[in-house]
Amino acid sequence: MRGKKAGEQRLVAKGSIGIGGHMNDEDESLFAWDEKAYRAGVEREVSEEIKIETNFEDRIVALLNDDMTEVGRVHLGIVHLFRLIEPKVEKREAMITSLAFLTKDELRARRTFLKRGRKSA
């Protein structure tokens, strides 16, 4: 859950199934054909938001485009899947008010709840 200290006010009190951020000018050109620069930006964003205290591997698994929300209409996400050896993760940013690992069933339940909410909106 993102708290009142979120830099992006449209995200306050919103839940998330992951962490994320933006590529910055300091990360090199957004359009550079350089995976090393991209990976450095991902590493910076992850380390700003959380501290991973175990070995892990990550891979790109999807693109995320959600035009159903105000935030989603102006963002395109690249989804990484992190496989951790152990569930040893701590939050670093004050805007993250709760940090927890969820089971597949818990994630499915949230997805079902969100789909129902969109249909009634």
PDB file of N, CA and C in Angstrom:
ATOM      1  N   MET A   1       0.847  -1.172   0.000  1.00  0.00           N
ATOM      2  CA  MET A   1       0.000   0.000   0.000  1.00  0.00           C
ATOM      3  C   MET A   1       0.893   1.236   0.000  1.00  0.00           C
ATOM      4  N   ARG A   2       0.488   2.248  -0.754  1.00  0.00           N
ATOM      5  CA  ARG A   2       1.253   3.493  -0.817  1.00  0.00           C
ATOM      6  C   ARG A   2       0.596   4.532   0.081  1.00  0.00           C
ATOM      7  N   GLY A   3       1.398   5.144   0.942  1.00  0.00           N
ATOM      8  CA  GLY A   3       0.879   6.100   1.915  1.00  0.00           C
ATOM      9  C   GLY A   3       0.871   7.522   1.402  1.00  0.00           C
ATOM     10  N   LYS A   4       0.589   8.456   2.317  1.00  0.00           N
ATOM     11  CA  LYS A   4       0.446   9.877   1.987  1.00  0.00           C
ATOM     12  C   LYS A   4       1.749  10.512   1.527  1.00  0.00           C
ATOM     13  N   LYS A   5       2.871   9.876   1.780  1.00  0.00           N
ATOM     14  CA  LYS A   5       4.166  10.444   1.396  1.00  0.00           C
ATOM     15  C   LYS A   5       4.548  10.091  -0.032  1.00  0.00           C
ATOM     16  N   ALA A   6       3.653   9.464  -0.772  1.00  0.00           N
ATOM     17  CA  ALA A   6       3.950   9.097  -2.163  1.00  0.00           C
ATOM     18  C   ALA A   6       4.201  10.362  -2.966  1.00  0.00           C
ATOM     19  N   GLY A   7       5.266  10.363  -3.750  1.00  0.00           N
ATOM     20  CA  GLY A   7       5.582  11.512  -4.595  1.00  0.00           C
ATOM     21  C   GLY A   7       4.525  11.726  -5.664  1.00  0.00           C
ATOM     22  N   GLU A   8       3.950  10.662  -6.136  1.00  0.00           N
ATOM     23  CA  GLU A   8       2.895  10.712  -7.148  1.00  0.00           C
ATOM     24  C   GLU A   8       1.570  10.641  -6.412  1.00  0.00           C
ATOM     25  N   GLN A   9       0.895  11.792  -6.263  1.00  0.00           N
ATOM     26  CA  GLN A   9      -0.323  11.856  -5.455  1.00  0.00           C
ATOM     27  C   GLN A   9      -1.442  10.968  -5.985  1.00  0.00           C
ATOM     28  N   ARG A  10      -1.435  10.642  -7.269  1.00  0.00           N
ATOM     29  CA  ARG A  10      -2.467   9.747  -7.804  1.00  0.00           C
ATOM     30  C   ARG A  10      -2.310   8.328  -7.278  1.00  0.00           C
ATOM     31  N   LEU A  11      -1.192   8.019  -6.623  1.00  0.00           N
ATOM     32  CA  LEU A  11      -0.954   6.675  -6.100  1.00  0.00           C
ATOM     33  C   LEU A  11      -1.234   6.540  -4.606  1.00  0.00           C
ATOM     34  N   VAL A  12      -1.549   7.652  -3.918  1.00  0.00           N
ATOM     35  CA  VAL A  12      -1.800   7.603  -2.487  1.00  0.00           C
ATOM     36  C   VAL A  12      -2.969   6.663  -2.206  1.00  0.00           C
ATOM     37  N   ALA A  13      -2.787   5.791  -1.206  1.00  0.00           N
ATOM     38  CA  ALA A  13      -3.797   4.820  -0.755  1.00  0.00           C
ATOM     39  C   ALA A  13      -4.109   3.764  -1.804  1.00  0.00           C
ATOM     40  N   LYS A  14      -3.250   3.596  -2.793  1.00  0.00           N
ATOM     41  CA  LYS A  14      -3.442   2.566  -3.811  1.00  0.00           C
ATOM     42  C   LYS A  14      -2.577   1.360  -3.471  1.00  0.00           C
ATOM     43  N   GLY A  15      -3.085   0.198  -3.760  1.00  0.00           N
ATOM     44  CA  GLY A  15      -2.320  -1.023  -3.577  1.00  0.00           C
ATOM     45  C   GLY A  15      -1.516  -1.311  -4.827  1.00  0.00           C
ATOM     46  N   SER A  16      -0.511  -2.117  -4.673  1.00  0.00           N
ATOM     47  CA  SER A  16       0.345  -2.487  -5.788  1.00  0.00           C
ATOM     48  C   SER A  16       0.815  -3.908  -5.574  1.00  0.00           C
ATOM     49  N   ILE A  17       0.975  -4.653  -6.650  1.00  0.00           N
ATOM     50  CA  ILE A  17       1.527  -5.996  -6.493  1.00  0.00           C
ATOM     51  C   ILE A  17       3.018  -6.005  -6.794  1.00  0.00           C
ATOM     52  N   GLY A  18       3.604  -4.859  -6.849  1.00  0.00           N
ATOM     53  CA  GLY A  18       5.033  -4.784  -7.117  1.00  0.00           C
ATOM     54  C   GLY A  18       5.570  -3.423  -6.757  1.00  0.00           C
ATOM     55  N   ILE A  19       6.810  -3.210  -7.087  1.00  0.00           N
ATOM     56  CA  ILE A  19       7.435  -1.909  -6.897  1.00  0.00           C
ATOM     57  C   ILE A  19       7.764  -1.371  -8.274  1.00  0.00           C
ATOM     58  N   GLY A  20       8.053  -0.104  -8.347  1.00  0.00           N
ATOM     59  CA  GLY A  20       8.366   0.435  -9.667  1.00  0.00           C
ATOM     60  C   GLY A  20       8.870   1.852  -9.599  1.00  0.00           C
ATOM     61  N   GLY A  21       9.245   2.348 -10.750  1.00  0.00           N
ATOM     62  CA  GLY A  21       9.759   3.696 -10.820  1.00  0.00           C
ATOM     63  C   GLY A  21       9.928   4.119 -12.252  1.00  0.00           C
ATOM     64  N   HIS A  22      10.649   5.186 -12.421  1.00  0.00           N
ATOM     65  CA  HIS A  22      10.860   5.769 -13.743  1.00  0.00           C
ATOM     66  C   HIS A  22      12.332   5.738 -14.114  1.00  0.00           C
ATOM     67  N   MET A  23      12.572   5.601 -15.388  1.00  0.00           N
ATOM     68  CA  MET A  23      13.932   5.803 -15.880  1.00  0.00           C
ATOM     69  C   MET A  23      14.180   7.310 -15.833  1.00  0.00           C
ATOM     70  N   ASN A  24      15.342   7.724 -15.401  1.00  0.00           N
ATOM     71  CA  ASN A  24      15.684   9.133 -15.275  1.00  0.00           C
ATOM     72  C   ASN A  24      16.718   9.535 -16.315  1.00  0.00           C
ATOM     73  N   ASP A  25      16.846  10.839 -16.538  1.00  0.00           N
ATOM     74  CA  ASP A  25      17.848  11.340 -17.473  1.00  0.00           C
ATOM     75  C   ASP A  25      19.244  10.847 -17.095  1.00  0.00           C
ATOM     76  N   GLU A  26      19.510  10.736 -15.780  1.00  0.00           N
ATOM     77  CA  GLU A  26      20.819  10.287 -15.324  1.00  0.00           C
ATOM     78  C   GLU A  26      21.077   8.826 -15.700  1.00  0.00           C
ATOM     79  N   ASP A  27      20.017   8.084 -16.017  1.00  0.00           N
ATOM     80  CA  ASP A  27      20.165   6.672 -16.380  1.00  0.00           C
ATOM     81  C   ASP A  27      20.661   6.500 -17.803  1.00  0.00           C
ATOM     82  N   GLU A  28      20.981   7.541 -18.487  1.00  0.00           N
ATOM     83  CA  GLU A  28      21.379   7.571 -19.880  1.00  0.00           C
ATOM     84  C   GLU A  28      20.145   7.906 -20.695  1.00  0.00           C
ATOM     85  N   SER A  29      20.270   7.933 -21.964  1.00  0.00           N
ATOM     86  CA  SER A  29      19.137   8.240 -22.821  1.00  0.00           C
ATOM     87  C   SER A  29      18.085   7.150 -22.702  1.00  0.00           C
ATOM     88  N   LEU A  30      16.838   7.559 -22.565  1.00  0.00           N
ATOM     89  CA  LEU A  30      15.733   6.613 -22.496  1.00  0.00           C
ATOM     90  C   LEU A  30      15.704   5.719 -23.725  1.00  0.00           C
ATOM     91  N   PHE A  31      16.190   6.240 -24.844  1.00  0.00           N
ATOM     92  CA  PHE A  31      16.136   5.507 -26.099  1.00  0.00           C
ATOM     93  C   PHE A  31      17.471   4.870 -26.485  1.00  0.00           C
ATOM     94  N   ALA A  32      18.384   4.786 -25.524  1.00  0.00           N
ATOM     95  CA  ALA A  32      19.674   4.143 -25.795  1.00  0.00           C
ATOM     96  C   ALA A  32      19.457   2.661 -26.055  1.00  0.00           C
ATOM     97  N   TRP A  33      20.193   2.125 -26.987  1.00  0.00           N
ATOM     98  CA  TRP A  33      20.119   0.696 -27.292  1.00  0.00           C
ATOM     99  C   TRP A  33      21.136  -0.027 -26.430  1.00  0.00           C
ATOM    100  N   ASP A  34      21.047   0.185 -25.146  1.00  0.00           N
ATOM    101  CA  ASP A  34      22.051  -0.305 -24.230  1.00  0.00           C
ATOM    102  C   ASP A  34      21.373  -0.982 -23.048  1.00  0.00           C
ATOM    103  N   GLU A  35      21.372  -2.315 -23.046  1.00  0.00           N
ATOM    104  CA  GLU A  35      20.721  -3.036 -21.948  1.00  0.00           C
ATOM    105  C   GLU A  35      21.407  -2.747 -20.619  1.00  0.00           C
ATOM    106  N   LYS A  36      22.699  -2.498 -20.650  1.00  0.00           N
ATOM    107  CA  LYS A  36      23.433  -2.203 -19.420  1.00  0.00           C
ATOM    108  C   LYS A  36      22.876  -0.937 -18.754  1.00  0.00           C
ATOM    109  N   ALA A  37      22.589   0.095 -19.538  1.00  0.00           N
ATOM    110  CA  ALA A  37      22.022   1.331 -18.992  1.00  0.00           C
ATOM    111  C   ALA A  37      20.628   1.073 -18.427  1.00  0.00           C
ATOM    112  N   TYR A  38      19.828   0.291 -19.146  1.00  0.00           N
ATOM    113  CA  TYR A  38      18.485  -0.041 -18.671  1.00  0.00           C
ATOM    114  C   TYR A  38      18.558  -0.796 -17.352  1.00  0.00           C
ATOM    115  N   ARG A  39      19.409  -1.814 -17.289  1.00  0.00           N
ATOM    116  CA  ARG A  39      19.544  -2.615 -16.073  1.00  0.00           C
ATOM    117  C   ARG A  39      20.030  -1.768 -14.896  1.00  0.00           C
ATOM    118  N   ALA A  40      20.904  -0.806 -15.167  1.00  0.00           N
ATOM    119  CA  ALA A  40      21.374   0.088 -14.103  1.00  0.00           C
ATOM    120  C   ALA A  40      20.212   0.910 -13.557  1.00  0.00           C
ATOM    121  N   GLY A  41      19.309   1.361 -14.435  1.00  0.00           N
ATOM    122  CA  GLY A  41      18.136   2.106 -13.997  1.00  0.00           C
ATOM    123  C   GLY A  41      17.198   1.242 -13.167  1.00  0.00           C
ATOM    124  N   VAL A  42      17.009   0.000 -13.575  1.00  0.00           N
ATOM    125  CA  VAL A  42      16.163  -0.929 -12.817  1.00  0.00           C
ATOM    126  C   VAL A  42      16.781  -1.171 -11.440  1.00  0.00           C
ATOM    127  N   GLU A  43      18.068  -1.416 -11.405  1.00  0.00           N
ATOM    128  CA  GLU A  43      18.752  -1.659 -10.131  1.00  0.00           C
ATOM    129  C   GLU A  43      18.620  -0.445  -9.203  1.00  0.00           C
ATOM    130  N   ARG A  44      18.770   0.766  -9.763  1.00  0.00           N
ATOM    131  CA  ARG A  44      18.631   1.979  -8.955  1.00  0.00           C
ATOM    132  C   ARG A  44      17.235   2.072  -8.366  1.00  0.00           C
ATOM    133  N   GLU A  45      16.210   1.876  -9.194  1.00  0.00           N
ATOM    134  CA  GLU A  45      14.830   1.977  -8.728  1.00  0.00           C
ATOM    135  C   GLU A  45      14.516   0.944  -7.654  1.00  0.00           C
ATOM    136  N   VAL A  46      14.913  -0.290  -7.874  1.00  0.00           N
ATOM    137  CA  VAL A  46      14.646  -1.346  -6.891  1.00  0.00           C
ATOM    138  C   VAL A  46      15.337  -1.007  -5.575  1.00  0.00           C
ATOM    139  N   SER A  47      16.602  -0.604  -5.636  1.00  0.00           N
ATOM    140  CA  SER A  47      17.335  -0.328  -4.394  1.00  0.00           C
ATOM    141  C   SER A  47      16.837   0.930  -3.690  1.00  0.00           C
ATOM    142  N   GLU A  48      16.175   1.849  -4.405  1.00  0.00           N
ATOM    143  CA  GLU A  48      15.586   3.013  -3.748  1.00  0.00           C
ATOM    144  C   GLU A  48      14.353   2.619  -2.932  1.00  0.00           C
ATOM    145  N   GLU A  49      13.596   1.666  -3.412  1.00  0.00           N
ATOM    146  CA  GLU A  49      12.321   1.327  -2.778  1.00  0.00           C
ATOM    147  C   GLU A  49      12.412   0.194  -1.769  1.00  0.00           C
ATOM    148  N   ILE A  50      13.250  -0.807  -2.058  1.00  0.00           N
ATOM    149  CA  ILE A  50      13.352  -1.958  -1.149  1.00  0.00           C
ATOM    150  C   ILE A  50      14.796  -2.396  -0.996  1.00  0.00           C
ATOM    151  N   LYS A  51      15.033  -3.179   0.047  1.00  0.00           N
ATOM    152  CA  LYS A  51      16.342  -3.787   0.285  1.00  0.00           C
ATOM    153  C   LYS A  51      16.152  -5.297   0.212  1.00  0.00           C
ATOM    154  N   ILE A  52      16.784  -5.924  -0.755  1.00  0.00           N
ATOM    155  CA  ILE A  52      16.703  -7.374  -0.913  1.00  0.00           C
ATOM    156  C   ILE A  52      17.927  -7.977  -0.234  1.00  0.00           C
ATOM    157  N   GLU A  53      17.681  -8.807   0.795  1.00  0.00           N
ATOM    158  CA  GLU A  53      18.774  -9.371   1.584  1.00  0.00           C
ATOM    159  C   GLU A  53      18.962 -10.859   1.323  1.00  0.00           C
ATOM    160  N   THR A  54      18.823 -11.258   0.073  1.00  0.00           N
ATOM    161  CA  THR A  54      19.032 -12.642  -0.315  1.00  0.00           C
ATOM    162  C   THR A  54      19.434 -12.666  -1.780  1.00  0.00           C
ATOM    163  N   ASN A  55      19.977 -13.769  -2.224  1.00  0.00           N
ATOM    164  CA  ASN A  55      20.288 -13.894  -3.642  1.00  0.00           C
ATOM    165  C   ASN A  55      18.989 -13.988  -4.435  1.00  0.00           C
ATOM    166  N   PHE A  56      19.030 -13.497  -5.656  1.00  0.00           N
ATOM    167  CA  PHE A  56      17.827 -13.532  -6.490  1.00  0.00           C
ATOM    168  C   PHE A  56      18.230 -13.521  -7.953  1.00  0.00           C
ATOM    169  N   GLU A  57      17.269 -13.861  -8.781  1.00  0.00           N
ATOM    170  CA  GLU A  57      17.418 -13.682 -10.228  1.00  0.00           C
ATOM    171  C   GLU A  57      16.183 -12.941 -10.693  1.00  0.00           C
ATOM    172  N   ASP A  58      16.333 -12.157 -11.741  1.00  0.00           N
ATOM    173  CA  ASP A  58      15.163 -11.485 -12.284  1.00  0.00           C
ATOM    174  C   ASP A  58      15.166 -11.597 -13.794  1.00  0.00           C
ATOM    175  N   ARG A  59      13.956 -11.581 -14.331  1.00  0.00           N
ATOM    176  CA  ARG A  59      13.821 -11.623 -15.788  1.00  0.00           C
ATOM    177  C   ARG A  59      12.612 -10.808 -16.195  1.00  0.00           C
ATOM    178  N   ILE A  60      12.662 -10.312 -17.398  1.00  0.00           N
ATOM    179  CA  ILE A  60      11.544  -9.552 -17.950  1.00  0.00           C
ATOM    180  C   ILE A  60      10.487 -10.550 -18.404  1.00  0.00           C
ATOM    181  N   VAL A  61       9.235 -10.320 -17.975  1.00  0.00           N
ATOM    182  CA  VAL A  61       8.171 -11.274 -18.306  1.00  0.00           C
ATOM    183  C   VAL A  61       7.013 -10.653 -19.077  1.00  0.00           C
ATOM    184  N   ALA A  62       6.899  -9.315 -19.106  1.00  0.00           N
ATOM    185  CA  ALA A  62       5.733  -8.726 -19.781  1.00  0.00           C
ATOM    186  C   ALA A  62       5.882  -7.218 -19.910  1.00  0.00           C
ATOM    187  N   LEU A  63       5.022  -6.655 -20.741  1.00  0.00           N
ATOM    188  CA  LEU A  63       4.797  -5.214 -20.780  1.00  0.00           C
ATOM    189  C   LEU A  63       3.457  -4.963 -20.118  1.00  0.00           C
ATOM    190  N   LEU A  64       3.322  -3.844 -19.434  1.00  0.00           N
ATOM    191  CA  LEU A  64       2.089  -3.509 -18.738  1.00  0.00           C
ATOM    192  C   LEU A  64       1.551  -2.194 -19.281  1.00  0.00           C
ATOM    193  N   ASN A  65       0.340  -2.245 -19.832  1.00  0.00           N
ATOM    194  CA  ASN A  65      -0.329  -1.057 -20.336  1.00  0.00           C
ATOM    195  C   ASN A  65      -1.764  -1.100 -19.823  1.00  0.00           C
ATOM    196  N   ASP A  66      -2.111  -0.193 -18.922  1.00  0.00           N
ATOM    197  CA  ASP A  66      -3.437  -0.176 -18.307  1.00  0.00           C
ATOM    198  C   ASP A  66      -4.060   1.196 -18.496  1.00  0.00           C
ATOM    199  N   ASP A  67      -4.890   1.333 -19.489  1.00  0.00           N
ATOM    200  CA  ASP A  67      -5.537   2.618 -19.766  1.00  0.00           C
ATOM    201  C   ASP A  67      -6.802   2.833 -18.935  1.00  0.00           C
ATOM    202  N   MET A  68      -7.057   1.971 -17.956  1.00  0.00           N
ATOM    203  CA  MET A  68      -8.263   2.078 -17.125  1.00  0.00           C
ATOM    204  C   MET A  68      -8.126   3.123 -16.021  1.00  0.00           C
ATOM    205  N   THR A  69      -6.878   3.547 -15.718  1.00  0.00           N
ATOM    206  CA  THR A  69      -6.672   4.517 -14.642  1.00  0.00           C
ATOM    207  C   THR A  69      -5.936   5.735 -15.174  1.00  0.00           C
ATOM    208  N   GLU A  70      -6.039   6.834 -14.425  1.00  0.00           N
ATOM    209  CA  GLU A  70      -5.353   8.070 -14.805  1.00  0.00           C
ATOM    210  C   GLU A  70      -3.839   7.864 -14.876  1.00  0.00           C
ATOM    211  N   VAL A  71      -3.291   7.140 -13.912  1.00  0.00           N
ATOM    212  CA  VAL A  71      -1.857   6.864 -13.892  1.00  0.00           C
ATOM    213  C   VAL A  71      -1.493   5.926 -15.043  1.00  0.00           C
ATOM    214  N   GLY A  72      -2.284   4.894 -15.238  1.00  0.00           N
ATOM    215  CA  GLY A  72      -2.002   3.912 -16.279  1.00  0.00           C
ATOM    216  C   GLY A  72      -1.998   4.491 -17.677  1.00  0.00           C
ATOM    217  N   ARG A  73      -2.825   5.501 -17.919  1.00  0.00           N
ATOM    218  CA  ARG A  73      -2.908   6.096 -19.262  1.00  0.00           C
ATOM    219  C   ARG A  73      -1.626   6.809 -19.676  1.00  0.00           C
ATOM    220  N   VAL A  74      -0.781   7.159 -18.721  1.00  0.00           N
ATOM    221  CA  VAL A  74       0.441   7.907 -19.060  1.00  0.00           C
ATOM    222  C   VAL A  74       1.716   7.117 -18.740  1.00  0.00           C
ATOM    223  N   HIS A  75       1.567   5.821 -18.525  1.00  0.00           N
ATOM    224  CA  HIS A  75       2.720   4.979 -18.211  1.00  0.00           C
ATOM    225  C   HIS A  75       2.678   3.680 -19.000  1.00  0.00           C
ATOM    226  N   LEU A  76       3.839   3.178 -19.317  1.00  0.00           N
ATOM    227  CA  LEU A  76       4.016   1.846 -19.882  1.00  0.00           C
ATOM    228  C   LEU A  76       5.038   1.155 -18.991  1.00  0.00           C
ATOM    229  N   GLY A  77       4.711  -0.030 -18.532  1.00  0.00           N
ATOM    230  CA  GLY A  77       5.606  -0.721 -17.620  1.00  0.00           C
ATOM    231  C   GLY A  77       6.284  -1.904 -18.272  1.00  0.00           C
ATOM    232  N   ILE A  78       7.494  -2.163 -17.836  1.00  0.00           N
ATOM    233  CA  ILE A  78       8.205  -3.380 -18.194  1.00  0.00           C
ATOM    234  C   ILE A  78       8.235  -4.205 -16.918  1.00  0.00           C
ATOM    235  N   VAL A  79       7.617  -5.369 -16.953  1.00  0.00           N
ATOM    236  CA  VAL A  79       7.438  -6.183 -15.758  1.00  0.00           C
ATOM    237  C   VAL A  79       8.597  -7.165 -15.615  1.00  0.00           C
ATOM    238  N   HIS A  80       9.225  -7.111 -14.463  1.00  0.00           N
ATOM    239  CA  HIS A  80      10.298  -8.042 -14.109  1.00  0.00           C
ATOM    240  C   HIS A  80       9.767  -8.985 -13.049  1.00  0.00           C
ATOM    241  N   LEU A  81      10.137 -10.238 -13.142  1.00  0.00           N
ATOM    242  CA  LEU A  81       9.826 -11.222 -12.121  1.00  0.00           C
ATOM    243  C   LEU A  81      11.109 -11.503 -11.354  1.00  0.00           C
ATOM    244  N   PHE A  82      11.061 -11.278 -10.044  1.00  0.00           N
ATOM    245  CA  PHE A  82      12.210 -11.549  -9.182  1.00  0.00           C
ATOM    246  C   PHE A  82      11.947 -12.865  -8.452  1.00  0.00           C
ATOM    247  N   ARG A  83      12.859 -13.797  -8.580  1.00  0.00           N
ATOM    248  CA  ARG A  83      12.780 -15.060  -7.833  1.00  0.00           C
ATOM    249  C   ARG A  83      13.838 -14.994  -6.733  1.00  0.00           C
ATOM    250  N   LEU A  84      13.360 -14.945  -5.492  1.00  0.00           N
ATOM    251  CA  LEU A  84      14.223 -14.812  -4.331  1.00  0.00           C
ATOM    252  C   LEU A  84      14.522 -16.177  -3.734  1.00  0.00           C
ATOM    253  N   ILE A  85      15.738 -16.360  -3.236  1.00  0.00           N
ATOM    254  CA  ILE A  85      16.090 -17.586  -2.535  1.00  0.00           C
ATOM    255  C   ILE A  85      15.315 -17.656  -1.221  1.00  0.00           C
ATOM    256  N   GLU A  86      15.195 -16.522  -0.526  1.00  0.00           N
ATOM    257  CA  GLU A  86      14.458 -16.426   0.734  1.00  0.00           C
ATOM    258  C   GLU A  86      13.612 -15.161   0.705  1.00  0.00           C
ATOM    259  N   PRO A  87      12.518 -15.109   1.470  1.00  0.00           N
ATOM    260  CA  PRO A  87      11.675 -13.906   1.490  1.00  0.00           C
ATOM    261  C   PRO A  87      12.235 -12.824   2.428  1.00  0.00           C
ATOM    262  N   LYS A  88      13.428 -12.366   2.124  1.00  0.00           N
ATOM    263  CA  LYS A  88      14.102 -11.375   2.973  1.00  0.00           C
ATOM    264  C   LYS A  88      14.147 -10.038   2.244  1.00  0.00           C
ATOM    265  N   VAL A  89      13.099  -9.240   2.440  1.00  0.00           N
ATOM    266  CA  VAL A  89      12.983  -7.944   1.783  1.00  0.00           C
ATOM    267  C   VAL A  89      12.469  -6.936   2.802  1.00  0.00           C
ATOM    268  N   GLU A  90      13.060  -5.744   2.803  1.00  0.00           N
ATOM    269  CA  GLU A  90      12.611  -4.662   3.676  1.00  0.00           C
ATOM    270  C   GLU A  90      12.298  -3.442   2.826  1.00  0.00           C
ATOM    271  N   LYS A  91      11.354  -2.635   3.296  1.00  0.00           N
ATOM    272  CA  LYS A  91      11.044  -1.393   2.580  1.00  0.00           C
ATOM    273  C   LYS A  91      12.090  -0.342   2.914  1.00  0.00           C
ATOM    274  N   ARG A  92      12.340   0.530   1.953  1.00  0.00           N
ATOM    275  CA  ARG A  92      13.266   1.652   2.166  1.00  0.00           C
ATOM    276  C   ARG A  92      12.539   2.990   2.090  1.00  0.00           C
ATOM    277  N   GLU A  93      11.449   3.040   1.344  1.00  0.00           N
ATOM    278  CA  GLU A  93      10.750   4.310   1.139  1.00  0.00           C
ATOM    279  C   GLU A  93       9.593   4.458   2.107  1.00  0.00           C
ATOM    280  N   ALA A  94       9.431   5.675   2.637  1.00  0.00           N
ATOM    281  CA  ALA A  94       8.351   5.948   3.578  1.00  0.00           C
ATOM    282  C   ALA A  94       6.982   5.804   2.919  1.00  0.00           C
ATOM    283  N   MET A  95       6.914   5.983   1.603  1.00  0.00           N
ATOM    284  CA  MET A  95       5.615   5.911   0.924  1.00  0.00           C
ATOM    285  C   MET A  95       5.047   4.493   0.906  1.00  0.00           C
ATOM    286  N   ILE A  96       5.866   3.480   1.147  1.00  0.00           N
ATOM    287  CA  ILE A  96       5.386   2.110   1.211  1.00  0.00           C
ATOM    288  C   ILE A  96       4.937   1.863   2.645  1.00  0.00           C
ATOM    289  N   THR A  97       3.624   1.717   2.838  1.00  0.00           N
ATOM    290  CA  THR A  97       3.105   1.574   4.200  1.00  0.00           C
ATOM    291  C   THR A  97       2.986   0.136   4.644  1.00  0.00           C
ATOM    292  N   SER A  98       2.864  -0.785   3.716  1.00  0.00           N
ATOM    293  CA  SER A  98       2.867  -2.202   4.087  1.00  0.00           C
ATOM    294  C   SER A  98       3.543  -2.984   2.976  1.00  0.00           C
ATOM    295  N   LEU A  99       4.344  -3.933   3.378  1.00  0.00           N
ATOM    296  CA  LEU A  99       5.105  -4.741   2.437  1.00  0.00           C
ATOM    297  C   LEU A  99       4.940  -6.189   2.869  1.00  0.00           C
ATOM    298  N   ALA A 100       4.405  -7.011   1.965  1.00  0.00           N
ATOM    299  CA  ALA A 100       4.158  -8.402   2.323  1.00  0.00           C
ATOM    300  C   ALA A 100       4.225  -9.270   1.079  1.00  0.00           C
ATOM    301  N   PHE A 101       4.546 -10.539   1.284  1.00  0.00           N
ATOM    302  CA  PHE A 101       4.488 -11.518   0.216  1.00  0.00           C
ATOM    303  C   PHE A 101       3.097 -12.138   0.237  1.00  0.00           C
ATOM    304  N   LEU A 102       2.498 -12.295  -0.948  1.00  0.00           N
ATOM    305  CA  LEU A 102       1.173 -12.887  -1.058  1.00  0.00           C
ATOM    306  C   LEU A 102       1.258 -14.204  -1.805  1.00  0.00           C
ATOM    307  N   THR A 103       0.359 -15.102  -1.475  1.00  0.00           N
ATOM    308  CA  THR A 103       0.290 -16.369  -2.192  1.00  0.00           C
ATOM    309  C   THR A 103      -0.390 -16.140  -3.544  1.00  0.00           C
ATOM    310  N   LYS A 104      -0.298 -17.116  -4.424  1.00  0.00           N
ATOM    311  CA  LYS A 104      -0.990 -17.019  -5.716  1.00  0.00           C
ATOM    312  C   LYS A 104      -2.492 -16.850  -5.504  1.00  0.00           C
ATOM    313  N   ASP A 105      -3.071 -17.573  -4.541  1.00  0.00           N
ATOM    314  CA  ASP A 105      -4.508 -17.456  -4.282  1.00  0.00           C
ATOM    315  C   ASP A 105      -4.877 -16.049  -3.803  1.00  0.00           C
ATOM    316  N   GLU A 106      -4.042 -15.451  -2.965  1.00  0.00           N
ATOM    317  CA  GLU A 106      -4.302 -14.082  -2.503  1.00  0.00           C
ATOM    318  C   GLU A 106      -4.222 -13.094  -3.664  1.00  0.00           C
ATOM    319  N   LEU A 107      -3.255 -13.275  -4.551  1.00  0.00           N
ATOM    320  CA  LEU A 107      -3.149 -12.405  -5.724  1.00  0.00           C
ATOM    321  C   LEU A 107      -4.362 -12.566  -6.634  1.00  0.00           C
ATOM    322  N   ARG A 108      -4.798 -13.802  -6.850  1.00  0.00           N
ATOM    323  CA  ARG A 108      -5.989 -14.045  -7.676  1.00  0.00           C
ATOM    324  C   ARG A 108      -7.223 -13.393  -7.060  1.00  0.00           C
ATOM    325  N   ALA A 109      -7.365 -13.472  -5.744  1.00  0.00           N
ATOM    326  CA  ALA A 109      -8.511 -12.864  -5.067  1.00  0.00           C
ATOM    327  C   ALA A 109      -8.509 -11.351  -5.259  1.00  0.00           C
ATOM    328  N   ARG A 110      -7.344 -10.727  -5.174  1.00  0.00           N
ATOM    329  CA  ARG A 110      -7.263  -9.275  -5.399  1.00  0.00           C
ATOM    330  C   ARG A 110      -7.624  -8.934  -6.833  1.00  0.00           C
ATOM    331  N   ARG A 111      -7.153  -9.749  -7.784  1.00  0.00           N
ATOM    332  CA  ARG A 111      -7.466  -9.508  -9.194  1.00  0.00           C
ATOM    333  C   ARG A 111      -8.969  -9.599  -9.417  1.00  0.00           C
ATOM    334  N   THR A 112      -9.611 -10.611  -8.859  1.00  0.00           N
ATOM    335  CA  THR A 112     -11.056 -10.775  -8.998  1.00  0.00           C
ATOM    336  C   THR A 112     -11.788  -9.590  -8.399  1.00  0.00           C
ATOM    337  N   PHE A 113     -11.365  -9.141  -7.225  1.00  0.00           N
ATOM    338  CA  PHE A 113     -11.975  -7.996  -6.562  1.00  0.00           C
ATOM    339  C   PHE A 113     -11.842  -6.733  -7.426  1.00  0.00           C
ATOM    340  N   LEU A 114     -10.670  -6.513  -7.994  1.00  0.00           N
ATOM    341  CA  LEU A 114     -10.442  -5.328  -8.819  1.00  0.00           C
ATOM    342  C   LEU A 114     -11.285  -5.385 -10.097  1.00  0.00           C
ATOM    343  N   LYS A 115     -11.394  -6.534 -10.699  1.00  0.00           N
ATOM    344  CA  LYS A 115     -12.218  -6.667 -11.913  1.00  0.00           C
ATOM    345  C   LYS A 115     -13.674  -6.353 -11.613  1.00  0.00           C
ATOM    346  N   ARG A 116     -14.194  -6.833 -10.482  1.00  0.00           N
ATOM    347  CA  ARG A 116     -15.583  -6.545 -10.105  1.00  0.00           C
ATOM    348  C   ARG A 116     -15.764  -5.056  -9.878  1.00  0.00           C
ATOM    349  N   GLY A 117     -14.790  -4.411  -9.229  1.00  0.00           N
ATOM    350  CA  GLY A 117     -14.869  -2.975  -8.953  1.00  0.00           C
ATOM    351  C   GLY A 117     -14.899  -2.142 -10.212  1.00  0.00           C
ATOM    352  N   ARG A 118     -14.152  -2.547 -11.228  1.00  0.00           N
ATOM    353  CA  ARG A 118     -14.122  -1.805 -12.502  1.00  0.00           C
ATOM    354  C   ARG A 118     -15.447  -1.929 -13.237  1.00  0.00           C
ATOM    355  N   LYS A 119     -16.073  -3.085 -13.172  1.00  0.00           N
ATOM    356  CA  LYS A 119     -17.333  -3.295 -13.875  1.00  0.00           C
ATOM    357  C   LYS A 119     -18.440  -2.447 -13.283  1.00  0.00           C
ATOM    358  N   SER A 120     -18.400  -2.222 -11.959  1.00  0.00           N
ATOM    359  CA  SER A 120     -19.457  -1.445 -11.314  1.00  0.00           C
ATOM    360  C   SER A 120     -19.186   0.047 -11.364  1.00  0.00           C
ATOM    361  N   ALA A 121     -17.968   0.436 -11.755  1.00  0.00           N
ATOM    362  CA  ALA A 121     -17.616   1.870 -11.794  1.00  0.00           C
ATOM    363  C   ALA A 121     -18.202   2.556 -13.006  1.00  0.00           C
TER     364      ALA A 121
END
